[in-house]
Amino acid sequence: MSPEGNVELYRLLKNWNPLDLELAGRDAFDFDAEIYDSMDVLFKYEGNMEKAGFGIQDIFHFSFEETIPMDRIRPIVMEAFKIIELYKEP
């Protein structure tokens, strides 16, 4: 994927707050590990909504000990797959 695509994917995930955590006063980079791990899962399971969704669910559960419902994950995975497809290098 092109560098621009990686940036767009990062922005998508950075703006997603699936656990509705209060971000006020927190360092802007608090979720970087989860973002990069989620990007890896999206690339690994590209096109497989279920595996990508469960992978992201596991990442956030490990970090925050909370389970994100799949209905909150599916839309972000769909959007991420669109970005990956749009920015694929030939």
PDB file of N, CA and C in Angstrom:
ATOM      1  N   MET A   1       0.853  -1.166   0.000  1.00  0.00           N
ATOM      2  CA  MET A   1       0.000   0.000   0.000  1.00  0.00           C
ATOM      3  C   MET A   1       0.902   1.233   0.000  1.00  0.00           C
ATOM      4  N   SER A   2       0.419   2.268  -0.619  1.00  0.00           N
ATOM      5  CA  SER A   2       1.194   3.503  -0.712  1.00  0.00           C
ATOM      6  C   SER A   2       1.285   4.184   0.663  1.00  0.00           C
ATOM      7  N   PRO A   3       2.293   5.036   0.848  1.00  0.00           N
ATOM      8  CA  PRO A   3       2.420   5.762   2.119  1.00  0.00           C
ATOM      9  C   PRO A   3       1.177   6.592   2.441  1.00  0.00           C
ATOM     10  N   GLU A   4       0.563   7.180   1.407  1.00  0.00           N
ATOM     11  CA  GLU A   4      -0.652   7.977   1.637  1.00  0.00           C
ATOM     12  C   GLU A   4      -1.774   7.102   2.204  1.00  0.00           C
ATOM     13  N   GLY A   5      -1.851   5.885   1.720  1.00  0.00           N
ATOM     14  CA  GLY A   5      -2.860   4.954   2.223  1.00  0.00           C
ATOM     15  C   GLY A   5      -2.637   4.607   3.684  1.00  0.00           C
ATOM     16  N   ASN A   6      -1.381   4.416   4.052  1.00  0.00           N
ATOM     17  CA  ASN A   6      -1.073   4.144   5.457  1.00  0.00           C
ATOM     18  C   ASN A   6      -1.481   5.303   6.347  1.00  0.00           C
ATOM     19  N   VAL A   7      -1.246   6.516   5.871  1.00  0.00           N
ATOM     20  CA  VAL A   7      -1.633   7.711   6.632  1.00  0.00           C
ATOM     21  C   VAL A   7      -3.154   7.773   6.783  1.00  0.00           C
ATOM     22  N   GLU A   8      -3.867   7.520   5.689  1.00  0.00           N
ATOM     23  CA  GLU A   8      -5.337   7.548   5.747  1.00  0.00           C
ATOM     24  C   GLU A   8      -5.882   6.481   6.687  1.00  0.00           C
ATOM     25  N   LEU A   9      -5.296   5.305   6.637  1.00  0.00           N
ATOM     26  CA  LEU A   9      -5.732   4.221   7.518  1.00  0.00           C
ATOM     27  C   LEU A   9      -5.450   4.581   8.976  1.00  0.00           C
ATOM     28  N   TYR A  10      -4.288   5.149   9.235  1.00  0.00           N
ATOM     29  CA  TYR A  10      -3.954   5.584  10.589  1.00  0.00           C
ATOM     30  C   TYR A  10      -4.964   6.621  11.077  1.00  0.00           C
ATOM     31  N   ARG A  11      -5.270   7.606  10.232  1.00  0.00           N
ATOM     32  CA  ARG A  11      -6.237   8.658  10.612  1.00  0.00           C
ATOM     33  C   ARG A  11      -7.605   8.068  10.938  1.00  0.00           C
ATOM     34  N   LEU A  12      -8.041   7.115  10.116  1.00  0.00           N
ATOM     35  CA  LEU A  12      -9.336   6.469  10.361  1.00  0.00           C
ATOM     36  C   LEU A  12      -9.362   5.841  11.746  1.00  0.00           C
ATOM     37  N   LEU A  13      -8.342   5.074  12.058  1.00  0.00           N
ATOM     38  CA  LEU A  13      -8.299   4.382  13.343  1.00  0.00           C
ATOM     39  C   LEU A  13      -8.061   5.339  14.502  1.00  0.00           C
ATOM     40  N   LYS A  14      -7.287   6.392  14.273  1.00  0.00           N
ATOM     41  CA  LYS A  14      -7.010   7.371  15.328  1.00  0.00           C
ATOM     42  C   LYS A  14      -8.288   8.103  15.758  1.00  0.00           C
ATOM     43  N   ASN A  15      -9.182   8.341  14.797  1.00  0.00           N
ATOM     44  CA  ASN A  15     -10.420   9.069  15.091  1.00  0.00           C
ATOM     45  C   ASN A  15     -11.530   8.166  15.633  1.00  0.00           C
ATOM     46  N   TRP A  16     -11.278   6.886  15.653  1.00  0.00           N
ATOM     47  CA  TRP A  16     -12.257   5.911  16.143  1.00  0.00           C
ATOM     48  C   TRP A  16     -12.075   5.737  17.637  1.00  0.00           C
ATOM     49  N   ASN A  17     -13.132   5.861  18.400  1.00  0.00           N
ATOM     50  CA  ASN A  17     -13.076   5.697  19.851  1.00  0.00           C
ATOM     51  C   ASN A  17     -14.107   4.640  20.243  1.00  0.00           C
ATOM     52  N   PRO A  18     -13.802   3.376  19.971  1.00  0.00           N
ATOM     53  CA  PRO A  18     -14.811   2.324  20.113  1.00  0.00           C
ATOM     54  C   PRO A  18     -15.278   2.067  21.538  1.00  0.00           C
ATOM     55  N   LEU A  19     -14.498   2.430  22.507  1.00  0.00           N
ATOM     56  CA  LEU A  19     -14.883   2.200  23.896  1.00  0.00           C
ATOM     57  C   LEU A  19     -15.413   3.456  24.567  1.00  0.00           C
ATOM     58  N   ASP A  20     -15.552   4.521  23.775  1.00  0.00           N
ATOM     59  CA  ASP A  20     -16.016   5.808  24.294  1.00  0.00           C
ATOM     60  C   ASP A  20     -15.223   6.232  25.519  1.00  0.00           C
ATOM     61  N   LEU A  21     -13.911   6.034  25.440  1.00  0.00           N
ATOM     62  CA  LEU A  21     -13.049   6.419  26.550  1.00  0.00           C
ATOM     63  C   LEU A  21     -12.885   7.928  26.573  1.00  0.00           C
ATOM     64  N   GLU A  22     -12.839   8.482  27.741  1.00  0.00           N
ATOM     65  CA  GLU A  22     -12.626   9.917  27.900  1.00  0.00           C
ATOM     66  C   GLU A  22     -11.181  10.222  27.540  1.00  0.00           C
ATOM     67  N   LEU A  23     -10.992  11.062  26.535  1.00  0.00           N
ATOM     68  CA  LEU A  23      -9.653  11.356  26.056  1.00  0.00           C
ATOM     69  C   LEU A  23      -9.096  12.664  26.600  1.00  0.00           C
ATOM     70  N   ALA A  24      -9.905  13.423  27.289  1.00  0.00           N
ATOM     71  CA  ALA A  24      -9.457  14.724  27.786  1.00  0.00           C
ATOM     72  C   ALA A  24      -8.260  14.557  28.715  1.00  0.00           C
ATOM     73  N   GLY A  25      -7.246  15.358  28.467  1.00  0.00           N
ATOM     74  CA  GLY A  25      -6.078  15.344  29.324  1.00  0.00           C
ATOM     75  C   GLY A  25      -5.129  14.194  29.083  1.00  0.00           C
ATOM     76  N   ARG A  26      -5.448  13.325  28.142  1.00  0.00           N
ATOM     77  CA  ARG A  26      -4.574  12.187  27.874  1.00  0.00           C
ATOM     78  C   ARG A  26      -3.627  12.526  26.740  1.00  0.00           C
ATOM     79  N   ASP A  27      -2.490  11.910  26.753  1.00  0.00           N
ATOM     80  CA  ASP A  27      -1.491  12.084  25.702  1.00  0.00           C
ATOM     81  C   ASP A  27      -2.110  11.702  24.364  1.00  0.00           C
ATOM     82  N   ALA A  28      -1.821  12.478  23.334  1.00  0.00           N
ATOM     83  CA  ALA A  28      -2.392  12.255  22.010  1.00  0.00           C
ATOM     84  C   ALA A  28      -1.976  10.917  21.417  1.00  0.00           C
ATOM     85  N   PHE A  29      -0.942  10.300  21.940  1.00  0.00           N
ATOM     86  CA  PHE A  29      -0.455   9.047  21.376  1.00  0.00           C
ATOM     87  C   PHE A  29      -0.824   7.834  22.216  1.00  0.00           C
ATOM     88  N   ASP A  30      -1.772   7.955  23.123  1.00  0.00           N
ATOM     89  CA  ASP A  30      -2.141   6.854  24.005  1.00  0.00           C
ATOM     90  C   ASP A  30      -2.554   5.584  23.268  1.00  0.00           C
ATOM     91  N   PHE A  31      -3.144   5.707  22.091  1.00  0.00           N
ATOM     92  CA  PHE A  31      -3.685   4.547  21.397  1.00  0.00           C
ATOM     93  C   PHE A  31      -2.822   4.093  20.225  1.00  0.00           C
ATOM     94  N   ASP A  32      -1.602   4.596  20.130  1.00  0.00           N
ATOM     95  CA  ASP A  32      -0.756   4.234  18.991  1.00  0.00           C
ATOM     96  C   ASP A  32      -0.529   2.730  18.880  1.00  0.00           C
ATOM     97  N   ALA A  33      -0.266   2.061  19.977  1.00  0.00           N
ATOM     98  CA  ALA A  33      -0.017   0.617  19.922  1.00  0.00           C
ATOM     99  C   ALA A  33      -1.228  -0.116  19.355  1.00  0.00           C
ATOM    100  N   GLU A  34      -2.404   0.254  19.822  1.00  0.00           N
ATOM    101  CA  GLU A  34      -3.627  -0.400  19.336  1.00  0.00           C
ATOM    102  C   GLU A  34      -3.887  -0.063  17.868  1.00  0.00           C
ATOM    103  N   ILE A  35      -3.569   1.153  17.482  1.00  0.00           N
ATOM    104  CA  ILE A  35      -3.758   1.567  16.085  1.00  0.00           C
ATOM    105  C   ILE A  35      -2.843   0.754  15.174  1.00  0.00           C
ATOM    106  N   TYR A  36      -1.569   0.687  15.506  1.00  0.00           N
ATOM    107  CA  TYR A  36      -0.626  -0.050  14.654  1.00  0.00           C
ATOM    108  C   TYR A  36      -0.920  -1.548  14.657  1.00  0.00           C
ATOM    109  N   ASP A  37      -1.292  -2.090  15.805  1.00  0.00           N
ATOM    110  CA  ASP A  37      -1.664  -3.511  15.848  1.00  0.00           C
ATOM    111  C   ASP A  37      -2.907  -3.770  15.007  1.00  0.00           C
ATOM    112  N   SER A  38      -3.868  -2.837  15.064  1.00  0.00           N
ATOM    113  CA  SER A  38      -5.085  -2.976  14.258  1.00  0.00           C
ATOM    114  C   SER A  38      -4.765  -2.884  12.766  1.00  0.00           C
ATOM    115  N   MET A  39      -3.843  -2.008  12.407  1.00  0.00           N
ATOM    116  CA  MET A  39      -3.437  -1.916  11.003  1.00  0.00           C
ATOM    117  C   MET A  39      -2.826  -3.236  10.538  1.00  0.00           C
ATOM    118  N   ASP A  40      -1.995  -3.829  11.373  1.00  0.00           N
ATOM    119  CA  ASP A  40      -1.408  -5.125  11.025  1.00  0.00           C
ATOM    120  C   ASP A  40      -2.481  -6.181  10.798  1.00  0.00           C
ATOM    121  N   VAL A  41      -3.473  -6.215  11.678  1.00  0.00           N
ATOM    122  CA  VAL A  41      -4.573  -7.177  11.542  1.00  0.00           C
ATOM    123  C   VAL A  41      -5.334  -6.936  10.239  1.00  0.00           C
ATOM    124  N   LEU A  42      -5.585  -5.681   9.924  1.00  0.00           N
ATOM    125  CA  LEU A  42      -6.317  -5.357   8.697  1.00  0.00           C
ATOM    126  C   LEU A  42      -5.558  -5.808   7.458  1.00  0.00           C
ATOM    127  N   PHE A  43      -4.262  -5.630   7.452  1.00  0.00           N
ATOM    128  CA  PHE A  43      -3.461  -6.093   6.306  1.00  0.00           C
ATOM    129  C   PHE A  43      -3.411  -7.617   6.264  1.00  0.00           C
ATOM    130  N   LYS A  44      -3.270  -8.229   7.424  1.00  0.00           N
ATOM    131  CA  LYS A  44      -3.161  -9.691   7.489  1.00  0.00           C
ATOM    132  C   LYS A  44      -4.439 -10.366   7.001  1.00  0.00           C
ATOM    133  N   TYR A  45      -5.576  -9.823   7.389  1.00  0.00           N
ATOM    134  CA  TYR A  45      -6.866 -10.443   7.058  1.00  0.00           C
ATOM    135  C   TYR A  45      -7.648  -9.637   6.030  1.00  0.00           C
ATOM    136  N   GLU A  46      -6.944  -8.937   5.174  1.00  0.00           N
ATOM    137  CA  GLU A  46      -7.591  -8.100   4.159  1.00  0.00           C
ATOM    138  C   GLU A  46      -8.689  -8.877   3.433  1.00  0.00           C
ATOM    139  N   GLY A  47      -9.873  -8.291   3.443  1.00  0.00           N
ATOM    140  CA  GLY A  47     -11.018  -8.902   2.765  1.00  0.00           C
ATOM    141  C   GLY A  47     -11.813  -9.866   3.635  1.00  0.00           C
ATOM    142  N   ASN A  48     -11.298 -10.237   4.791  1.00  0.00           N
ATOM    143  CA  ASN A  48     -12.014 -11.157   5.678  1.00  0.00           C
ATOM    144  C   ASN A  48     -12.520 -10.372   6.880  1.00  0.00           C
ATOM    145  N   MET A  49     -13.752  -9.910   6.754  1.00  0.00           N
ATOM    146  CA  MET A  49     -14.366  -9.051   7.770  1.00  0.00           C
ATOM    147  C   MET A  49     -14.370  -9.707   9.149  1.00  0.00           C
ATOM    148  N   GLU A  50     -14.701 -10.980   9.201  1.00  0.00           N
ATOM    149  CA  GLU A  50     -14.832 -11.658  10.484  1.00  0.00           C
ATOM    150  C   GLU A  50     -13.490 -11.784  11.205  1.00  0.00           C
ATOM    151  N   LYS A  51     -12.474 -12.276  10.512  1.00  0.00           N
ATOM    152  CA  LYS A  51     -11.164 -12.438  11.153  1.00  0.00           C
ATOM    153  C   LYS A  51     -10.562 -11.094  11.544  1.00  0.00           C
ATOM    154  N   ALA A  52     -10.686 -10.104  10.680  1.00  0.00           N
ATOM    155  CA  ALA A  52     -10.167  -8.772  10.999  1.00  0.00           C
ATOM    156  C   ALA A  52     -10.909  -8.192  12.202  1.00  0.00           C
ATOM    157  N   GLY A  53     -12.210  -8.330  12.221  1.00  0.00           N
ATOM    158  CA  GLY A  53     -13.006  -7.812  13.331  1.00  0.00           C
ATOM    159  C   GLY A  53     -12.639  -8.446  14.656  1.00  0.00           C
ATOM    160  N   PHE A  54     -12.522  -9.771  14.651  1.00  0.00           N
ATOM    161  CA  PHE A  54     -12.158 -10.459  15.894  1.00  0.00           C
ATOM    162  C   PHE A  54     -10.724 -10.125  16.312  1.00  0.00           C
ATOM    163  N   GLY A  55      -9.846  -9.924  15.342  1.00  0.00           N
ATOM    164  CA  GLY A  55      -8.478  -9.531  15.663  1.00  0.00           C
ATOM    165  C   GLY A  55      -8.425  -8.184  16.357  1.00  0.00           C
ATOM    166  N   ILE A  56      -9.171  -7.233  15.836  1.00  0.00           N
ATOM    167  CA  ILE A  56      -9.218  -5.903  16.455  1.00  0.00           C
ATOM    168  C   ILE A  56      -9.885  -5.976  17.824  1.00  0.00           C
ATOM    169  N   GLN A  57     -10.917  -6.766  17.923  1.00  0.00           N
ATOM    170  CA  GLN A  57     -11.595  -6.950  19.210  1.00  0.00           C
ATOM    171  C   GLN A  57     -10.605  -7.484  20.258  1.00  0.00           C
ATOM    172  N   ASP A  58      -9.785  -8.443  19.856  1.00  0.00           N
ATOM    173  CA  ASP A  58      -8.790  -9.016  20.771  1.00  0.00           C
ATOM    174  C   ASP A  58      -7.752  -7.979  21.207  1.00  0.00           C
ATOM    175  N   ILE A  59      -7.317  -7.142  20.270  1.00  0.00           N
ATOM    176  CA  ILE A  59      -6.325  -6.109  20.594  1.00  0.00           C
ATOM    177  C   ILE A  59      -6.846  -5.187  21.690  1.00  0.00           C
ATOM    178  N   PHE A  60      -8.056  -4.692  21.515  1.00  0.00           N
ATOM    179  CA  PHE A  60      -8.614  -3.763  22.504  1.00  0.00           C
ATOM    180  C   PHE A  60      -8.958  -4.467  23.811  1.00  0.00           C
ATOM    181  N   HIS A  61      -9.375  -5.722  23.732  1.00  0.00           N
ATOM    182  CA  HIS A  61      -9.664  -6.461  24.962  1.00  0.00           C
ATOM    183  C   HIS A  61      -8.389  -6.659  25.771  1.00  0.00           C
ATOM    184  N   PHE A  62      -7.306  -6.989  25.089  1.00  0.00           N
ATOM    185  CA  PHE A  62      -6.022  -7.172  25.767  1.00  0.00           C
ATOM    186  C   PHE A  62      -5.565  -5.879  26.451  1.00  0.00           C
ATOM    187  N   SER A  63      -5.724  -4.746  25.756  1.00  0.00           N
ATOM    188  CA  SER A  63      -5.247  -3.467  26.291  1.00  0.00           C
ATOM    189  C   SER A  63      -6.142  -2.875  27.371  1.00  0.00           C
ATOM    190  N   PHE A  64      -7.458  -3.007  27.199  1.00  0.00           N
ATOM    191  CA  PHE A  64      -8.387  -2.289  28.075  1.00  0.00           C
ATOM    192  C   PHE A  64      -9.319  -3.203  28.867  1.00  0.00           C
ATOM    193  N   GLU A  65      -9.196  -4.500  28.655  1.00  0.00           N
ATOM    194  CA  GLU A  65     -10.028  -5.485  29.353  1.00  0.00           C
ATOM    195  C   GLU A  65     -11.514  -5.215  29.173  1.00  0.00           C
ATOM    196  N   GLU A  66     -11.856  -4.734  27.989  1.00  0.00           N
ATOM    197  CA  GLU A  66     -13.254  -4.533  27.616  1.00  0.00           C
ATOM    198  C   GLU A  66     -13.448  -5.094  26.214  1.00  0.00           C
ATOM    199  N   THR A  67     -14.621  -5.639  25.979  1.00  0.00           N
ATOM    200  CA  THR A  67     -14.908  -6.213  24.671  1.00  0.00           C
ATOM    201  C   THR A  67     -15.753  -5.245  23.860  1.00  0.00           C
ATOM    202  N   ILE A  68     -15.251  -4.894  22.691  1.00  0.00           N
ATOM    203  CA  ILE A  68     -16.008  -4.028  21.778  1.00  0.00           C
ATOM    204  C   ILE A  68     -16.993  -4.919  21.027  1.00  0.00           C
ATOM    205  N   PRO A  69     -18.267  -4.561  21.013  1.00  0.00           N
ATOM    206  CA  PRO A  69     -19.230  -5.346  20.237  1.00  0.00           C
ATOM    207  C   PRO A  69     -18.880  -5.309  18.740  1.00  0.00           C
ATOM    208  N   MET A  70     -19.093  -6.424  18.075  1.00  0.00           N
ATOM    209  CA  MET A  70     -18.759  -6.515  16.655  1.00  0.00           C
ATOM    210  C   MET A  70     -19.512  -5.484  15.816  1.00  0.00           C
ATOM    211  N   ASP A  71     -20.710  -5.083  16.233  1.00  0.00           N
ATOM    212  CA  ASP A  71     -21.449  -4.084  15.448  1.00  0.00           C
ATOM    213  C   ASP A  71     -20.782  -2.708  15.483  1.00  0.00           C
ATOM    214  N   ARG A  72     -19.862  -2.499  16.410  1.00  0.00           N
ATOM    215  CA  ARG A  72     -19.080  -1.251  16.438  1.00  0.00           C
ATOM    216  C   ARG A  72     -17.776  -1.394  15.647  1.00  0.00           C
ATOM    217  N   ILE A  73     -17.362  -2.634  15.433  1.00  0.00           N
ATOM    218  CA  ILE A  73     -16.111  -2.887  14.728  1.00  0.00           C
ATOM    219  C   ILE A  73     -16.333  -3.011  13.218  1.00  0.00           C
ATOM    220  N   ARG A  74     -17.406  -3.651  12.812  1.00  0.00           N
ATOM    221  CA  ARG A  74     -17.641  -3.909  11.384  1.00  0.00           C
ATOM    222  C   ARG A  74     -17.566  -2.657  10.510  1.00  0.00           C
ATOM    223  N   PRO A  75     -18.214  -1.551  10.894  1.00  0.00           N
ATOM    224  CA  PRO A  75     -18.145  -0.361  10.029  1.00  0.00           C
ATOM    225  C   PRO A  75     -16.724   0.171   9.841  1.00  0.00           C
ATOM    226  N   ILE A  76     -15.910   0.111  10.866  1.00  0.00           N
ATOM    227  CA  ILE A  76     -14.537   0.617  10.749  1.00  0.00           C
ATOM    228  C   ILE A  76     -13.705  -0.322   9.893  1.00  0.00           C
ATOM    229  N   VAL A  77     -13.956  -1.619  10.004  1.00  0.00           N
ATOM    230  CA  VAL A  77     -13.238  -2.592   9.168  1.00  0.00           C
ATOM    231  C   VAL A  77     -13.632  -2.399   7.703  1.00  0.00           C
ATOM    232  N   MET A  78     -14.908  -2.186   7.442  1.00  0.00           N
ATOM    233  CA  MET A  78     -15.359  -1.958   6.067  1.00  0.00           C
ATOM    234  C   MET A  78     -14.691  -0.720   5.475  1.00  0.00           C
ATOM    235  N   GLU A  79     -14.646   0.346   6.237  1.00  0.00           N
ATOM    236  CA  GLU A  79     -14.011   1.585   5.776  1.00  0.00           C
ATOM    237  C   GLU A  79     -12.504   1.378   5.581  1.00  0.00           C
ATOM    238  N   ALA A  80     -11.885   0.650   6.483  1.00  0.00           N
ATOM    239  CA  ALA A  80     -10.452   0.377   6.366  1.00  0.00           C
ATOM    240  C   ALA A  80     -10.152  -0.440   5.114  1.00  0.00           C
ATOM    241  N   PHE A  81     -10.975  -1.433   4.824  1.00  0.00           N
ATOM    242  CA  PHE A  81     -10.770  -2.244   3.619  1.00  0.00           C
ATOM    243  C   PHE A  81     -10.927  -1.395   2.354  1.00  0.00           C
ATOM    244  N   LYS A  82     -11.824  -0.427   2.390  1.00  0.00           N
ATOM    245  CA  LYS A  82     -11.969   0.487   1.248  1.00  0.00           C
ATOM    246  C   LYS A  82     -10.694   1.299   1.049  1.00  0.00           C
ATOM    247  N   ILE A  83     -10.129   1.785   2.140  1.00  0.00           N
ATOM    248  CA  ILE A  83      -8.880   2.569   2.047  1.00  0.00           C
ATOM    249  C   ILE A  83      -7.750   1.683   1.521  1.00  0.00           C
ATOM    250  N   ILE A  84      -7.649   0.475   2.037  1.00  0.00           N
ATOM    251  CA  ILE A  84      -6.590  -0.431   1.573  1.00  0.00           C
ATOM    252  C   ILE A  84      -6.728  -0.705   0.083  1.00  0.00           C
ATOM    253  N   GLU A  85      -7.945  -0.943  -0.357  1.00  0.00           N
ATOM    254  CA  GLU A  85      -8.173  -1.210  -1.787  1.00  0.00           C
ATOM    255  C   GLU A  85      -7.865   0.020  -2.647  1.00  0.00           C
ATOM    256  N   LEU A  86      -8.270   1.165  -2.174  1.00  0.00           N
ATOM    257  CA  LEU A  86      -8.064   2.415  -2.935  1.00  0.00           C
ATOM    258  C   LEU A  86      -6.580   2.744  -3.111  1.00  0.00           C
ATOM    259  N   TYR A  87      -5.791   2.468  -2.085  1.00  0.00           N
ATOM    260  CA  TYR A  87      -4.386   2.856  -2.112  1.00  0.00           C
ATOM    261  C   TYR A  87      -3.432   1.695  -2.417  1.00  0.00           C
ATOM    262  N   LYS A  88      -3.969   0.601  -2.913  1.00  0.00           N
ATOM    263  CA  LYS A  88      -3.109  -0.533  -3.272  1.00  0.00           C
ATOM    264  C   LYS A  88      -2.140  -0.125  -4.362  1.00  0.00           C
ATOM    265  N   GLU A  89      -0.911  -0.587  -4.204  1.00  0.00           N
ATOM    266  CA  GLU A  89       0.073  -0.327  -5.262  1.00  0.00           C
ATOM    267  C   GLU A  89      -0.015  -1.464  -6.271  1.00  0.00           C
ATOM    268  N   PRO A  90       0.159  -1.113  -7.531  1.00  0.00           N
ATOM    269  CA  PRO A  90       0.047  -2.151  -8.582  1.00  0.00           C
ATOM    270  C   PRO A  90       1.105  -3.219  -8.478  1.00  0.00           C
TER     271      PRO A  90
END
